[in-house]
Amino acid sequence: MREIHFIVEEAPEGGYVARAVVVDIDDRGRRSAQPACQVPVRDAVRCHFDEEQVPGLIRPHITREEVLAT
């Protein structure tokens, strides 16, 4: 796997959470104050894969829920 994609969302309790799209990596337990969640996501990816299988790229897709009045 050359790259891994994460969906990054605002947590209701504050901060952001990230979860991988294809691989079962969930970073909900470690919230980050910054949307990219760079350090927690990198740590989660490194812990999940063997050293020779770690993807070279991590692509965080930052989403934000918006509500529009009609």
C-alpha atoms as a PDB file:
ATOM      1  CA  MET A   1       0.000   0.000   0.000  1.00  0.00           C
ATOM      2  CA  ARG A   2       1.572   3.258  -1.113  1.00  0.00           C
ATOM      3  CA  GLU A   3      -0.816   5.658   0.596  1.00  0.00           C
ATOM      4  CA  ILE A   4      -3.609   5.644   3.131  1.00  0.00           C
ATOM      5  CA  HIS A   5      -6.625   7.958   3.324  1.00  0.00           C
ATOM      6  CA  PHE A   6      -8.235   9.272   6.507  1.00  0.00           C
ATOM      7  CA  ILE A   7     -11.535  11.059   7.063  1.00  0.00           C
ATOM      8  CA  VAL A   8     -10.990  13.799   9.664  1.00  0.00           C
ATOM      9  CA  GLU A   9     -14.071  15.198  11.414  1.00  0.00           C
ATOM     10  CA  GLU A  10     -14.790  17.559  14.274  1.00  0.00           C
ATOM     11  CA  ALA A  11     -15.586  15.681  17.488  1.00  0.00           C
ATOM     12  CA  PRO A  12     -18.717  16.690  19.399  1.00  0.00           C
ATOM     13  CA  GLU A  13     -16.599  16.959  22.562  1.00  0.00           C
ATOM     14  CA  GLY A  14     -14.098  19.236  20.817  1.00  0.00           C
ATOM     15  CA  GLY A  15     -10.998  18.600  18.754  1.00  0.00           C
ATOM     16  CA  TYR A  16     -10.872  16.278  15.761  1.00  0.00           C
ATOM     17  CA  VAL A  17     -11.010  12.535  15.157  1.00  0.00           C
ATOM     18  CA  ALA A  18      -9.607  10.592  12.216  1.00  0.00           C
ATOM     19  CA  ARG A  19     -10.446   7.170  10.795  1.00  0.00           C
ATOM     20  CA  ALA A  20      -8.869   5.337   7.902  1.00  0.00           C
ATOM     21  CA  VAL A  21     -11.000   4.654   4.837  1.00  0.00           C
ATOM     22  CA  VAL A  22      -9.849   1.150   3.814  1.00  0.00           C
ATOM     23  CA  VAL A  23      -7.788  -0.088   6.767  1.00  0.00           C
ATOM     24  CA  ASP A  24      -9.230  -0.522  10.266  1.00  0.00           C
ATOM     25  CA  ILE A  25      -7.424   2.373  11.963  1.00  0.00           C
ATOM     26  CA  ASP A  26      -9.487   4.622  14.200  1.00  0.00           C
ATOM     27  CA  ASP A  27      -7.987   7.544  16.059  1.00  0.00           C
ATOM     28  CA  ARG A  28     -11.049   8.472  18.130  1.00  0.00           C
ATOM     29  CA  GLY A  29      -9.304   7.831  21.427  1.00  0.00           C
ATOM     30  CA  ARG A  30      -6.712  10.525  20.800  1.00  0.00           C
ATOM     31  CA  ARG A  31      -8.177  13.871  19.869  1.00  0.00           C
ATOM     32  CA  SER A  32      -6.109  16.581  18.289  1.00  0.00           C
ATOM     33  CA  ALA A  33      -6.640  20.322  18.444  1.00  0.00           C
ATOM     34  CA  GLN A  34      -5.611  20.676  14.782  1.00  0.00           C
ATOM     35  CA  PRO A  35      -7.726  19.387  11.885  1.00  0.00           C
ATOM     36  CA  ALA A  36      -4.919  17.421  10.213  1.00  0.00           C
ATOM     37  CA  CYS A  37      -4.314  15.330  13.390  1.00  0.00           C
ATOM     38  CA  GLN A  38      -0.792  14.882  12.072  1.00  0.00           C
ATOM     39  CA  VAL A  39       1.019  13.356  15.033  1.00  0.00           C
ATOM     40  CA  PRO A  40      -1.762  11.008  16.264  1.00  0.00           C
ATOM     41  CA  VAL A  41      -2.475   9.766  12.727  1.00  0.00           C
ATOM     42  CA  ARG A  42       1.195   9.111  11.970  1.00  0.00           C
ATOM     43  CA  ASP A  43       1.561   7.225  15.250  1.00  0.00           C
ATOM     44  CA  ALA A  44      -1.566   5.144  14.555  1.00  0.00           C
ATOM     45  CA  VAL A  45      -0.345   4.227  11.056  1.00  0.00           C
ATOM     46  CA  ARG A  46       3.122   3.272  12.317  1.00  0.00           C
ATOM     47  CA  CYS A  47       1.596   1.093  15.055  1.00  0.00           C
ATOM     48  CA  HIS A  48      -0.772  -0.656  12.637  1.00  0.00           C
ATOM     49  CA  PHE A  49       1.729  -1.683   9.945  1.00  0.00           C
ATOM     50  CA  ASP A  50       4.997  -3.589  10.054  1.00  0.00           C
ATOM     51  CA  GLU A  51       7.970  -1.295   9.438  1.00  0.00           C
ATOM     52  CA  GLU A  52       8.450  -2.429   5.821  1.00  0.00           C
ATOM     53  CA  GLN A  53       4.718  -2.067   5.023  1.00  0.00           C
ATOM     54  CA  VAL A  54       4.096   1.485   6.313  1.00  0.00           C
ATOM     55  CA  PRO A  55       2.494   3.570   3.519  1.00  0.00           C
ATOM     56  CA  GLY A  56       4.637   6.382   2.170  1.00  0.00           C
ATOM     57  CA  LEU A  57       1.773   8.908   2.100  1.00  0.00           C
ATOM     58  CA  ILE A  58      -1.042   9.740   4.507  1.00  0.00           C
ATOM     59  CA  ARG A  59      -3.888  11.755   2.980  1.00  0.00           C
ATOM     60  CA  PRO A  60      -6.215  13.371   5.522  1.00  0.00           C
ATOM     61  CA  HIS A  61      -9.583  14.425   4.060  1.00  0.00           C
ATOM     62  CA  ILE A  62     -10.941  17.086   6.382  1.00  0.00           C
ATOM     63  CA  THR A  63     -14.722  17.308   6.525  1.00  0.00           C
ATOM     64  CA  ARG A  64     -16.971  19.726   8.327  1.00  0.00           C
ATOM     65  CA  GLU A  65     -20.676  19.337   8.887  1.00  0.00           C
ATOM     66  CA  GLU A  66     -22.673  22.408   7.952  1.00  0.00           C
ATOM     67  CA  VAL A  67     -26.347  23.056   8.512  1.00  0.00           C
ATOM     68  CA  LEU A  68     -28.294  25.366   6.220  1.00  0.00           C
ATOM     69  CA  ALA A  69     -31.642  26.872   7.154  1.00  0.00           C
ATOM     70  CA  THR A  70     -34.352  26.653   4.519  1.00  0.00           C
END
